[in-house]
Amino acid sequence: MDLVSAASGFQQAKILAQVQVAVAGKVMDMQRFQGDAAVKLIQAATSGVNQAGDQLVAAATGLGGSLDVQA
């Protein structure tokens, strides 16, 4: 292998490594985005369940059903 071939091979390996790092970075960004979306979805589902549970407790116990007002 002569010097020109070695330099060419080194340059190709360097470019390939840069492409692989860029692709890995994009993959990690997409995973982070998907993880954030999953967290938001879980939070939204939990919020809905908590509100529905509060409404069920209020209905079952009669809270808010009548108001005793004396002046």
C-alpha atoms as a PDB file:
ATOM      1  CA  MET A   1       0.000   0.000   0.000  1.00  0.00           C
ATOM      2  CA  ASP A   2       1.484   3.287  -0.987  1.00  0.00           C
ATOM      3  CA  LEU A   3       1.215   6.579   0.830  1.00  0.00           C
ATOM      4  CA  VAL A   4      -1.603   7.943  -1.373  1.00  0.00           C
ATOM      5  CA  SER A   5      -3.759   4.868  -0.816  1.00  0.00           C
ATOM      6  CA  ALA A   6      -3.175   5.031   2.919  1.00  0.00           C
ATOM      7  CA  ALA A   7      -4.112   8.716   3.033  1.00  0.00           C
ATOM      8  CA  SER A   8      -7.201   8.059   0.938  1.00  0.00           C
ATOM      9  CA  GLY A   9      -8.258   5.171   3.153  1.00  0.00           C
ATOM     10  CA  PHE A  10      -7.711   7.250   6.271  1.00  0.00           C
ATOM     11  CA  GLN A  11      -9.829  10.092   4.860  1.00  0.00           C
ATOM     12  CA  GLN A  12     -12.635   7.671   3.923  1.00  0.00           C
ATOM     13  CA  ALA A  13     -12.584   6.137   7.405  1.00  0.00           C
ATOM     14  CA  LYS A  14     -12.700   9.608   8.962  1.00  0.00           C
ATOM     15  CA  ILE A  15     -15.706  10.636   6.847  1.00  0.00           C
ATOM     16  CA  LEU A  16     -17.478   7.344   7.565  1.00  0.00           C
ATOM     17  CA  ALA A  17     -16.955   7.848  11.299  1.00  0.00           C
ATOM     18  CA  GLN A  18     -18.376  11.390  11.074  1.00  0.00           C
ATOM     19  CA  VAL A  19     -21.452  10.094   9.238  1.00  0.00           C
ATOM     20  CA  GLN A  20     -21.959   7.359  11.833  1.00  0.00           C
ATOM     21  CA  VAL A  21     -21.739   9.887  14.674  1.00  0.00           C
ATOM     22  CA  ALA A  22     -24.235  12.178  12.927  1.00  0.00           C
ATOM     23  CA  VAL A  23     -26.675   9.301  12.380  1.00  0.00           C
ATOM     24  CA  ALA A  24     -26.305   8.156  15.983  1.00  0.00           C
ATOM     25  CA  GLY A  25     -27.010  11.711  17.121  1.00  0.00           C
ATOM     26  CA  LYS A  26     -30.194  11.836  15.040  1.00  0.00           C
ATOM     27  CA  VAL A  27     -31.320   8.481  16.440  1.00  0.00           C
ATOM     28  CA  MET A  28     -30.742   9.695  19.995  1.00  0.00           C
ATOM     29  CA  ASP A  29     -32.671  12.914  19.290  1.00  0.00           C
ATOM     30  CA  MET A  30     -35.618  10.902  17.977  1.00  0.00           C
ATOM     31  CA  GLN A  31     -35.531   8.603  21.019  1.00  0.00           C
ATOM     32  CA  ARG A  32     -35.499  11.618  23.327  1.00  0.00           C
ATOM     33  CA  PHE A  33     -38.454  13.123  21.427  1.00  0.00           C
ATOM     34  CA  GLN A  34     -40.387   9.849  21.650  1.00  0.00           C
ATOM     35  CA  GLY A  35     -39.583   9.545  25.348  1.00  0.00           C
ATOM     36  CA  ASP A  36     -40.831  13.086  26.004  1.00  0.00           C
ATOM     37  CA  ALA A  37     -44.022  12.313  24.087  1.00  0.00           C
ATOM     38  CA  ALA A  38     -44.548   9.121  26.110  1.00  0.00           C
ATOM     39  CA  VAL A  39     -44.092  11.012  29.381  1.00  0.00           C
ATOM     40  CA  LYS A  40     -46.624  13.639  28.294  1.00  0.00           C
ATOM     41  CA  LEU A  41     -49.071  10.919  27.301  1.00  0.00           C
ATOM     42  CA  ILE A  42     -48.713   9.194  30.677  1.00  0.00           C
ATOM     43  CA  GLN A  43     -49.112  12.493  32.509  1.00  0.00           C
ATOM     44  CA  ALA A  44     -52.248  13.312  30.513  1.00  0.00           C
ATOM     45  CA  ALA A  45     -53.708   9.878  31.213  1.00  0.00           C
ATOM     46  CA  THR A  46     -52.916  10.159  34.916  1.00  0.00           C
ATOM     47  CA  SER A  47     -54.435  13.620  35.089  1.00  0.00           C
ATOM     48  CA  GLY A  48     -57.658  12.382  33.497  1.00  0.00           C
ATOM     49  CA  VAL A  49     -57.844   9.427  35.877  1.00  0.00           C
ATOM     50  CA  ASN A  50     -57.282  11.635  38.922  1.00  0.00           C
ATOM     51  CA  GLN A  51     -60.001  14.072  37.843  1.00  0.00           C
ATOM     52  CA  ALA A  52     -62.427  11.257  37.084  1.00  0.00           C
ATOM     53  CA  GLY A  53     -61.635   9.662  40.455  1.00  0.00           C
ATOM     54  CA  ASP A  54     -62.295  12.952  42.261  1.00  0.00           C
ATOM     55  CA  GLN A  55     -65.639  13.291  40.490  1.00  0.00           C
ATOM     56  CA  LEU A  56     -66.592   9.716  41.425  1.00  0.00           C
ATOM     57  CA  VAL A  57     -65.710  10.301  45.078  1.00  0.00           C
ATOM     58  CA  ALA A  58     -67.710  13.525  45.112  1.00  0.00           C
ATOM     59  CA  ALA A  59     -70.714  11.789  43.547  1.00  0.00           C
ATOM     60  CA  ALA A  60     -70.501   8.791  45.876  1.00  0.00           C
ATOM     61  CA  THR A  61     -70.202  10.850  49.027  1.00  0.00           C
ATOM     62  CA  GLY A  62     -72.677  13.523  48.002  1.00  0.00           C
ATOM     63  CA  LEU A  63     -70.107  16.266  48.179  1.00  0.00           C
ATOM     64  CA  GLY A  64     -71.290  19.301  46.326  1.00  0.00           C
ATOM     65  CA  GLY A  65     -74.790  17.899  46.035  1.00  0.00           C
ATOM     66  CA  SER A  66     -76.348  20.452  48.326  1.00  0.00           C
ATOM     67  CA  LEU A  67     -75.283  23.671  49.904  1.00  0.00           C
ATOM     68  CA  ASP A  68     -76.407  24.790  53.323  1.00  0.00           C
ATOM     69  CA  VAL A  69     -76.437  28.573  53.393  1.00  0.00           C
ATOM     70  CA  GLN A  70     -77.598  30.564  56.401  1.00  0.00           C
ATOM     71  CA  ALA A  71     -77.604  34.306  56.529  1.00  0.00           C
END
